[in-house]
PDB file of all heavy atoms in Angstrom:
ATOM      1  N   GLY A   1       6.147  16.953-252.938  1.00  0.00           N
ATOM      2  CA  GLY A   1       6.087  15.542-252.620  1.00  0.00           C
ATOM      3  C   GLY A   1       4.940  14.884-253.342  1.00  0.00           C
ATOM      4  O   GLY A   1       4.496  15.351-254.381  1.00  0.00           O
ATOM      5  N   THR A   2       4.447  13.805-252.807  1.00  0.00           N
ATOM      6  CA  THR A   2       3.335  13.066-253.405  1.00  0.00           C
ATOM      7  C   THR A   2       2.266  12.896-252.348  1.00  0.00           C
ATOM      8  O   THR A   2       2.555  12.591-251.195  1.00  0.00           O
ATOM      9  CB  THR A   2       3.796  11.697-253.922  1.00  0.00           C
ATOM     10  OG1 THR A   2       4.861  11.875-254.841  1.00  0.00           O
ATOM     11  CG2 THR A   2       2.657  10.953-254.578  1.00  0.00           C
ATOM     12  N   ILE A   3       1.028  13.105-252.755  1.00  0.00           N
ATOM     13  CA  ILE A   3      -0.113  12.969-251.809  1.00  0.00           C
ATOM     14  C   ILE A   3      -0.804  11.626-252.039  1.00  0.00           C
ATOM     15  O   ILE A   3      -1.084  11.239-253.165  1.00  0.00           O
ATOM     16  CB  ILE A   3      -1.112  14.095-252.009  1.00  0.00           C
ATOM     17  CG1 ILE A   3      -0.569  15.416-251.471  1.00  0.00           C
ATOM     18  CG2 ILE A   3      -2.438  13.783-251.313  1.00  0.00           C
ATOM     19  CD1 ILE A   3      -0.518  15.504-249.987  1.00  0.00           C
ATOM     20  N   TYR A   4      -1.024  10.924-250.940  1.00  0.00           N
ATOM     21  CA  TYR A   4      -1.814   9.696-250.952  1.00  0.00           C
ATOM     22  C   TYR A   4      -2.992   9.866-250.012  1.00  0.00           C
ATOM     23  O   TYR A   4      -2.918  10.607-249.033  1.00  0.00           O
ATOM     24  CB  TYR A   4      -0.996   8.507-250.467  1.00  0.00           C
ATOM     25  CG  TYR A   4       0.218   8.153-251.309  1.00  0.00           C
ATOM     26  CD1 TYR A   4       1.422   8.805-251.122  1.00  0.00           C
ATOM     27  CD2 TYR A   4       0.141   7.138-252.247  1.00  0.00           C
ATOM     28  CE1 TYR A   4       2.549   8.461-251.860  1.00  0.00           C
ATOM     29  CE2 TYR A   4       1.253   6.782-253.001  1.00  0.00           C
ATOM     30  CZ  TYR A   4       2.448   7.452-252.807  1.00  0.00           C
ATOM     31  OH  TYR A   4       3.556   7.107-253.539  1.00  0.00           O
ATOM     32  N   THR A   5      -4.070   9.155-250.321  1.00  0.00           N
ATOM     33  CA  THR A   5      -5.115   9.013-249.313  1.00  0.00           C
ATOM     34  C   THR A   5      -4.845   7.692-248.562  1.00  0.00           C
ATOM     35  O   THR A   5      -4.294   6.775-249.123  1.00  0.00           O
ATOM     36  CB  THR A   5      -6.517   8.970-249.922  1.00  0.00           C
ATOM     37  OG1 THR A   5      -6.583   7.946-250.886  1.00  0.00           O
ATOM     38  CG2 THR A   5      -6.849  10.298-250.599  1.00  0.00           C
ATOM     39  N   ALA A   6      -5.214   7.672-247.298  1.00  0.00           N
ATOM     40  CA  ALA A   6      -4.933   6.506-246.470  1.00  0.00           C
ATOM     41  C   ALA A   6      -6.041   6.328-245.441  1.00  0.00           C
ATOM     42  O   ALA A   6      -6.825   7.255-245.191  1.00  0.00           O
ATOM     43  CB  ALA A   6      -3.573   6.659-245.785  1.00  0.00           C
ATOM     44  N   ILE A   7      -6.086   5.164-244.823  1.00  0.00           N
ATOM     45  CA  ILE A   7      -7.048   4.853-243.795  1.00  0.00           C
ATOM     46  C   ILE A   7      -6.318   4.601-242.486  1.00  0.00           C
ATOM     47  O   ILE A   7      -5.375   3.819-242.422  1.00  0.00           O
ATOM     48  CB  ILE A   7      -7.890   3.606-244.150  1.00  0.00           C
ATOM     49  CG1 ILE A   7      -8.634   3.818-245.472  1.00  0.00           C
ATOM     50  CG2 ILE A   7      -8.878   3.297-243.031  1.00  0.00           C
ATOM     51  CD1 ILE A   7      -9.663   4.948-245.438  1.00  0.00           C
ATOM     52  N   ASP A   8      -6.761   5.318-241.437  1.00  0.00           N
ATOM     53  CA  ASP A   8      -6.246   5.076-240.093  1.00  0.00           C
ATOM     54  C   ASP A   8      -6.880   3.765-239.590  1.00  0.00           C
ATOM     55  O   ASP A   8      -8.100   3.702-239.436  1.00  0.00           O
ATOM     56  CB  ASP A   8      -6.615   6.250-239.178  1.00  0.00           C
ATOM     57  CG  ASP A   8      -6.027   6.104-237.783  1.00  0.00           C
ATOM     58  OD1 ASP A   8      -5.859   4.965-237.313  1.00  0.00           O
ATOM     59  OD2 ASP A   8      -5.750   7.157-237.159  1.00  0.00           O
ATOM     60  N   LYS A   9      -6.096   2.745-239.364  1.00  0.00           N
ATOM     61  CA  LYS A   9      -6.630   1.442-238.949  1.00  0.00           C
ATOM     62  C   LYS A   9      -7.351   1.517-237.602  1.00  0.00           C
ATOM     63  O   LYS A   9      -8.229   0.699-237.316  1.00  0.00           O
ATOM     64  CB  LYS A   9      -5.504   0.409-238.872  1.00  0.00           C
ATOM     65  CG  LYS A   9      -5.025  -0.073-240.235  1.00  0.00           C
ATOM     66  CD  LYS A   9      -4.018  -1.200-240.036  1.00  0.00           C
ATOM     67  CE  LYS A   9      -3.593  -1.820-241.363  1.00  0.00           C
ATOM     68  NZ  LYS A   9      -2.622  -2.923-241.194  1.00  0.00           N
ATOM     69  N   VAL A  10      -6.931   2.431-236.761  1.00  0.00           N
ATOM     70  CA  VAL A  10      -7.526   2.535-235.431  1.00  0.00           C
ATOM     71  C   VAL A  10      -8.904   3.205-235.467  1.00  0.00           C
ATOM     72  O   VAL A  10      -9.883   2.694-234.942  1.00  0.00           O
ATOM     73  CB  VAL A  10      -6.581   3.298-234.456  1.00  0.00           C
ATOM     74  CG1 VAL A  10      -7.257   3.466-233.103  1.00  0.00           C
ATOM     75  CG2 VAL A  10      -5.264   2.570-234.332  1.00  0.00           C
ATOM     76  N   THR A  11      -8.966   4.366-236.139  1.00  0.00           N
ATOM     77  CA  THR A  11     -10.212   5.138-236.155  1.00  0.00           C
ATOM     78  C   THR A  11     -11.073   4.861-237.388  1.00  0.00           C
ATOM     79  O   THR A  11     -12.257   5.153-237.382  1.00  0.00           O
ATOM     80  CB  THR A  11      -9.899   6.637-236.121  1.00  0.00           C
ATOM     81  OG1 THR A  11      -9.209   7.010-237.345  1.00  0.00           O
ATOM     82  CG2 THR A  11      -9.029   6.979-234.920  1.00  0.00           C
ATOM     83  N   GLY A  12     -10.455   4.335-238.441  1.00  0.00           N
ATOM     84  CA  GLY A  12     -11.185   4.118-239.694  1.00  0.00           C
ATOM     85  C   GLY A  12     -11.367   5.376-240.504  1.00  0.00           C
ATOM     86  O   GLY A  12     -11.994   5.334-241.573  1.00  0.00           O
ATOM     87  N   LEU A  13     -10.775   6.473-240.063  1.00  0.00           N
ATOM     88  CA  LEU A  13     -10.909   7.726-240.781  1.00  0.00           C
ATOM     89  C   LEU A  13      -9.944   7.802-241.958  1.00  0.00           C
ATOM     90  O   LEU A  13      -8.827   7.286-241.896  1.00  0.00           O
ATOM     91  CB  LEU A  13     -10.641   8.902-239.839  1.00  0.00           C
ATOM     92  CG  LEU A  13     -11.625   9.130-238.697  1.00  0.00           C
ATOM     93  CD1 LEU A  13     -11.166  10.259-237.806  1.00  0.00           C
ATOM     94  CD2 LEU A  13     -13.024   9.414-239.260  1.00  0.00           C
ATOM     95  N   LYS A  14     -10.395   8.450-243.037  1.00  0.00           N
ATOM     96  CA  LYS A  14      -9.525   8.679-244.178  1.00  0.00           C
ATOM     97  C   LYS A  14      -8.652   9.898-243.895  1.00  0.00           C
ATOM     98  O   LYS A  14      -9.131  10.900-243.383  1.00  0.00           O
ATOM     99  CB  LYS A  14     -10.338   8.908-245.447  1.00  0.00           C
ATOM    100  CG  LYS A  14      -9.512   9.042-246.702  1.00  0.00           C
ATOM    101  CD  LYS A  14     -10.397   9.191-247.951  1.00  0.00           C
ATOM    102  CE  LYS A  14     -11.058   7.909-248.316  1.00  0.00           C
ATOM    103  NZ  LYS A  14     -11.763   7.993-249.619  1.00  0.00           N
ATOM    104  N   VAL A  15      -7.366   9.813-244.203  1.00  0.00           N
ATOM    105  CA  VAL A  15      -6.448  10.922-244.007  1.00  0.00           C
ATOM    106  C   VAL A  15      -5.661  11.140-245.296  1.00  0.00           C
ATOM    107  O   VAL A  15      -5.694  10.318-246.206  1.00  0.00           O
ATOM    108  CB  VAL A  15      -5.451  10.654-242.833  1.00  0.00           C
ATOM    109  CG1 VAL A  15      -6.202  10.550-241.534  1.00  0.00           C
ATOM    110  CG2 VAL A  15      -4.620   9.386-243.084  1.00  0.00           C
ATOM    111  N   ALA A  16      -4.935  12.248-245.352  1.00  0.00           N
ATOM    112  CA  ALA A  16      -4.046  12.533-246.460  1.00  0.00           C
ATOM    113  C   ALA A  16      -2.620  12.348-245.983  1.00  0.00           C
ATOM    114  O   ALA A  16      -2.261  12.767-244.872  1.00  0.00           O
ATOM    115  CB  ALA A  16      -4.237  13.959-246.975  1.00  0.00           C
ATOM    116  N   VAL A  17      -1.800  11.705-246.808  1.00  0.00           N
ATOM    117  CA  VAL A  17      -0.396  11.465-246.474  1.00  0.00           C
ATOM    118  C   VAL A  17       0.470  12.176-247.506  1.00  0.00           C
ATOM    119  O   VAL A  17       0.424  11.841-248.696  1.00  0.00           O
ATOM    120  CB  VAL A  17      -0.064   9.962-246.452  1.00  0.00           C
ATOM    121  CG1 VAL A  17       1.410   9.759-246.045  1.00  0.00           C
ATOM    122  CG2 VAL A  17      -0.982   9.211-245.523  1.00  0.00           C
ATOM    123  N   LYS A  18       1.246  13.134-247.056  1.00  0.00           N
ATOM    124  CA  LYS A  18       2.163  13.851-247.919  1.00  0.00           C
ATOM    125  C   LYS A  18       3.525  13.159-247.787  1.00  0.00           C
ATOM    126  O   LYS A  18       4.155  13.173-246.736  1.00  0.00           O
ATOM    127  CB  LYS A  18       2.257  15.299-247.482  1.00  0.00           C
ATOM    128  CG  LYS A  18       3.059  16.200-248.406  1.00  0.00           C
ATOM    129  CD  LYS A  18       2.950  17.652-247.892  1.00  0.00           C
ATOM    130  CE  LYS A  18       3.668  18.643-248.793  1.00  0.00           C
ATOM    131  NZ  LYS A  18       3.503  20.035-248.325  1.00  0.00           N
ATOM    132  N   GLN A  19       3.967  12.508-248.845  1.00  0.00           N
ATOM    133  CA  GLN A  19       5.199  11.726-248.841  1.00  0.00           C
ATOM    134  C   GLN A  19       6.299  12.529-249.532  1.00  0.00           C
ATOM    135  O   GLN A  19       6.246  12.826-250.707  1.00  0.00           O
ATOM    136  CB  GLN A  19       4.955  10.388-249.565  1.00  0.00           C
ATOM    137  CG  GLN A  19       6.008   9.354-249.360  1.00  0.00           C
ATOM    138  CD  GLN A  19       5.638   8.058-250.080  1.00  0.00           C
ATOM    139  OE1 GLN A  19       6.023   7.871-251.233  1.00  0.00           O
ATOM    140  NE2 GLN A  19       4.892   7.211-249.414  1.00  0.00           N
ATOM    141  N   ILE A  20       7.332  12.908-248.756  1.00  0.00           N
ATOM    142  CA  ILE A  20       8.354  13.816-249.242  1.00  0.00           C
ATOM    143  C   ILE A  20       9.728  13.142-249.246  1.00  0.00           C
ATOM    144  O   ILE A  20      10.179  12.635-248.212  1.00  0.00           O
ATOM    145  CB  ILE A  20       8.412  15.072-248.330  1.00  0.00           C
ATOM    146  CG1 ILE A  20       7.060  15.743-248.262  1.00  0.00           C
ATOM    147  CG2 ILE A  20       9.473  16.038-248.830  1.00  0.00           C
ATOM    148  CD1 ILE A  20       6.907  16.737-247.146  1.00  0.00           C
ATOM    149  N   ASN A  21      10.370  13.129-250.402  1.00  0.00           N
ATOM    150  CA  ASN A  21      11.737  12.595-250.497  1.00  0.00           C
ATOM    151  C   ASN A  21      12.687  13.663-250.021  1.00  0.00           C
ATOM    152  O   ASN A  21      12.888  14.684-250.677  1.00  0.00           O
ATOM    153  CB  ASN A  21      12.023  12.194-251.958  1.00  0.00           C
ATOM    154  CG  ASN A  21      13.351  11.465-252.073  1.00  0.00           C
ATOM    155  OD1 ASN A  21      14.340  11.832-251.440  1.00  0.00           O
ATOM    156  ND2 ASN A  21      13.393  10.420-252.897  1.00  0.00           N
ATOM    157  N   LEU A  22      13.336  13.420-248.881  1.00  0.00           N
ATOM    158  CA  LEU A  22      14.191  14.446-248.274  1.00  0.00           C
ATOM    159  C   LEU A  22      15.432  14.729-249.115  1.00  0.00           C
ATOM    160  O   LEU A  22      15.974  15.837-249.086  1.00  0.00           O
ATOM    161  CB  LEU A  22      14.593  14.003-246.865  1.00  0.00           C
ATOM    162  CG  LEU A  22      13.444  13.894-245.862  1.00  0.00           C
ATOM    163  CD1 LEU A  22      13.952  13.325-244.543  1.00  0.00           C
ATOM    164  CD2 LEU A  22      12.769  15.230-245.673  1.00  0.00           C
ATOM    165  N   ASN A  23      15.888  13.749-249.880  1.00  0.00           N
ATOM    166  CA  ASN A  23      17.065  13.944-250.724  1.00  0.00           C
ATOM    167  C   ASN A  23      16.804  14.923-251.872  1.00  0.00           C
ATOM    168  O   ASN A  23      17.748  15.493-252.441  1.00  0.00           O
ATOM    169  CB  ASN A  23      17.553  12.624-251.296  1.00  0.00           C
ATOM    170  CG  ASN A  23      18.080  11.674-250.212  1.00  0.00           C
ATOM    171  OD1 ASN A  23      18.628  12.139-249.211  1.00  0.00           O
ATOM    172  ND2 ASN A  23      17.917  10.383-250.411  1.00  0.00           N
ATOM    173  N   GLN A  24      15.530  15.126-252.186  1.00  0.00           N
ATOM    174  CA  GLN A  24      15.180  16.021-253.285  1.00  0.00           C
ATOM    175  C   GLN A  24      14.823  17.414-252.809  1.00  0.00           C
ATOM    176  O   GLN A  24      14.491  18.272-253.617  1.00  0.00           O
ATOM    177  CB  GLN A  24      14.005  15.416-254.079  1.00  0.00           C
ATOM    178  CG  GLN A  24      14.361  14.102-254.774  1.00  0.00           C
ATOM    179  CD  GLN A  24      13.168  13.482-255.462  1.00  0.00           C
ATOM    180  OE1 GLN A  24      12.050  14.009-255.429  1.00  0.00           O
ATOM    181  NE2 GLN A  24      13.380  12.347-256.108  1.00  0.00           N
ATOM    182  N   GLN A  25      14.852  17.631-251.500  1.00  0.00           N
ATOM    183  CA  GLN A  25      14.514  18.922-250.935  1.00  0.00           C
ATOM    184  C   GLN A  25      15.768  19.786-250.815  1.00  0.00           C
ATOM    185  O   GLN A  25      16.635  19.548-249.977  1.00  0.00           O
ATOM    186  CB  GLN A  25      13.858  18.748-249.568  1.00  0.00           C
ATOM    187  CG  GLN A  25      12.594  17.920-249.580  1.00  0.00           C
ATOM    188  CD  GLN A  25      11.534  18.490-250.522  1.00  0.00           C
ATOM    189  OE1 GLN A  25      11.160  19.661-250.432  1.00  0.00           O
ATOM    190  NE2 GLN A  25      11.048  17.658-251.431  1.00  0.00           N
ATOM    191  N   VAL A  26      15.878  20.782-251.701  1.00  0.00           N
ATOM    192  CA  VAL A  26      17.055  21.649-251.724  1.00  0.00           C
ATOM    193  C   VAL A  26      17.088  22.542-250.475  1.00  0.00           C
ATOM    194  O   VAL A  26      18.139  22.723-249.850  1.00  0.00           O
ATOM    195  CB  VAL A  26      17.077  22.530-252.977  1.00  0.00           C
ATOM    196  CG1 VAL A  26      18.275  23.478-252.954  1.00  0.00           C
ATOM    197  CG2 VAL A  26      17.088  21.646-254.232  1.00  0.00           C
ATOM    198  N   LYS A  27      15.931  23.075-250.116  1.00  0.00           N
ATOM    199  CA  LYS A  27      15.858  23.960-248.938  1.00  0.00           C
ATOM    200  C   LYS A  27      15.039  23.275-247.848  1.00  0.00           C
ATOM    201  O   LYS A  27      13.825  23.471-247.731  1.00  0.00           O
ATOM    202  CB  LYS A  27      15.238  25.309-249.329  1.00  0.00           C
ATOM    203  CG  LYS A  27      16.085  26.112-250.307  1.00  0.00           C
ATOM    204  CD  LYS A  27      15.484  27.475-250.581  1.00  0.00           C
ATOM    205  CE  LYS A  27      16.375  28.301-251.501  1.00  0.00           C
ATOM    206  NZ  LYS A  27      15.777  29.639-251.765  1.00  0.00           N
ATOM    207  N   LYS A  28      15.709  22.473-247.068  1.00  0.00           N
ATOM    208  CA  LYS A  28      15.001  21.723-246.024  1.00  0.00           C
ATOM    209  C   LYS A  28      14.431  22.630-244.950  1.00  0.00           C
ATOM    210  O   LYS A  28      13.489  22.263-244.225  1.00  0.00           O
ATOM    211  CB  LYS A  28      15.947  20.683-245.411  1.00  0.00           C
ATOM    212  CG  LYS A  28      16.326  19.568-246.365  1.00  0.00           C
ATOM    213  CD  LYS A  28      17.179  18.523-245.708  1.00  0.00           C
ATOM    214  CE  LYS A  28      17.474  17.338-246.629  1.00  0.00           C
ATOM    215  NZ  LYS A  28      18.164  17.714-247.862  1.00  0.00           N
ATOM    216  N   GLU A  29      14.977  23.852-244.840  1.00  0.00           N
ATOM    217  CA  GLU A  29      14.460  24.760-243.826  1.00  0.00           C
ATOM    218  C   GLU A  29      13.022  25.159-244.125  1.00  0.00           C
ATOM    219  O   GLU A  29      12.236  25.470-243.217  1.00  0.00           O
ATOM    220  CB  GLU A  29      15.332  26.021-243.720  1.00  0.00           C
ATOM    221  CG  GLU A  29      15.360  26.934-244.927  1.00  0.00           C
ATOM    222  CD  GLU A  29      16.396  26.533-245.974  1.00  0.00           C
ATOM    223  OE1 GLU A  29      16.931  25.407-245.875  1.00  0.00           O
ATOM    224  OE2 GLU A  29      16.682  27.339-246.862  1.00  0.00           O
ATOM    225  N   LEU A  30      12.635  25.154-245.422  1.00  0.00           N
ATOM    226  CA  LEU A  30      11.249  25.458-245.787  1.00  0.00           C
ATOM    227  C   LEU A  30      10.313  24.392-245.286  1.00  0.00           C
ATOM    228  O   LEU A  30       9.196  24.670-244.842  1.00  0.00           O
ATOM    229  CB  LEU A  30      11.138  25.608-247.305  1.00  0.00           C
ATOM    230  CG  LEU A  30      11.901  26.774-247.952  1.00  0.00           C
ATOM    231  CD1 LEU A  30      11.667  26.791-249.452  1.00  0.00           C
ATOM    232  CD2 LEU A  30      11.495  28.107-247.336  1.00  0.00           C
ATOM    233  N   LEU A  31      10.764  23.130-245.378  1.00  0.00           N
ATOM    234  CA  LEU A  31       9.971  22.019-244.894  1.00  0.00           C
ATOM    235  C   LEU A  31       9.774  22.108-243.395  1.00  0.00           C
ATOM    236  O   LEU A  31       8.691  21.896-242.863  1.00  0.00           O
ATOM    237  CB  LEU A  31      10.633  20.699-245.280  1.00  0.00           C
ATOM    238  CG  LEU A  31       9.977  19.415-244.788  1.00  0.00           C
ATOM    239  CD1 LEU A  31       8.541  19.314-245.270  1.00  0.00           C
ATOM    240  CD2 LEU A  31      10.800  18.207-245.231  1.00  0.00           C
ATOM    241  N   ILE A  32      10.854  22.407-242.696  1.00  0.00           N
ATOM    242  CA  ILE A  32      10.804  22.555-241.237  1.00  0.00           C
ATOM    243  C   ILE A  32       9.838  23.669-240.849  1.00  0.00           C
ATOM    244  O   ILE A  32       9.038  23.544-239.923  1.00  0.00           O
ATOM    245  CB  ILE A  32      12.207  22.823-240.664  1.00  0.00           C
ATOM    246  CG1 ILE A  32      13.117  21.601-240.901  1.00  0.00           C
ATOM    247  CG2 ILE A  32      12.133  23.136-239.164  1.00  0.00           C
ATOM    248  CD1 ILE A  32      14.577  21.854-240.567  1.00  0.00           C
ATOM    249  N   ARG A  33       9.890  24.780-241.588  1.00  0.00           N
ATOM    250  CA  ARG A  33       9.023  25.909-241.317  1.00  0.00           C
ATOM    251  C   ARG A  33       7.558  25.531-241.558  1.00  0.00           C
ATOM    252  O   ARG A  33       6.678  25.893-240.761  1.00  0.00           O
ATOM    253  CB  ARG A  33       9.399  27.079-242.206  1.00  0.00           C
ATOM    254  CG  ARG A  33       8.655  28.392-241.867  1.00  0.00           C
ATOM    255  CD  ARG A  33       8.971  29.450-242.901  1.00  0.00           C
ATOM    256  NE  ARG A  33      10.391  29.643-243.047  1.00  0.00           N
ATOM    257  CZ  ARG A  33      10.987  30.142-244.138  1.00  0.00           C
ATOM    258  NH1 ARG A  33      10.249  30.435-245.191  1.00  0.00           N
ATOM    259  NH2 ARG A  33      12.274  30.314-244.195  1.00  0.00           N
ATOM    260  N   GLU A  34       7.309  24.784-242.635  1.00  0.00           N
ATOM    261  CA  GLU A  34       5.931  24.376-242.919  1.00  0.00           C
ATOM    262  C   GLU A  34       5.376  23.510-241.801  1.00  0.00           C
ATOM    263  O   GLU A  34       4.249  23.695-241.330  1.00  0.00           O
ATOM    264  CB  GLU A  34       5.885  23.613-244.258  1.00  0.00           C
ATOM    265  CG  GLU A  34       4.490  23.127-244.616  1.00  0.00           C
ATOM    266  CD  GLU A  34       4.435  22.412-245.954  1.00  0.00           C
ATOM    267  OE1 GLU A  34       5.505  22.047-246.483  1.00  0.00           O
ATOM    268  OE2 GLU A  34       3.322  22.216-246.450  1.00  0.00           O
ATOM    269  N   LEU A  35       6.172  22.521-241.364  1.00  0.00           N
ATOM    270  CA  LEU A  35       5.724  21.641-240.277  1.00  0.00           C
ATOM    271  C   LEU A  35       5.496  22.418-239.001  1.00  0.00           C
ATOM    272  O   LEU A  35       4.537  22.150-238.241  1.00  0.00           O
ATOM    273  CB  LEU A  35       6.725  20.514-240.050  1.00  0.00           C
ATOM    274  CG  LEU A  35       6.837  19.457-241.156  1.00  0.00           C
ATOM    275  CD1 LEU A  35       7.906  18.429-240.825  1.00  0.00           C
ATOM    276  CD2 LEU A  35       5.489  18.768-241.392  1.00  0.00           C
TER     277      LEU A  35
END
């Protein structure tokens, strides 16, 4: 996927956002396992 940095508006903390296009995931079971 693609990684973005982002700000939580509530806490003001910086977080990482992993943005994954599900249509491009051949083995979705790997994604489920990772989560």
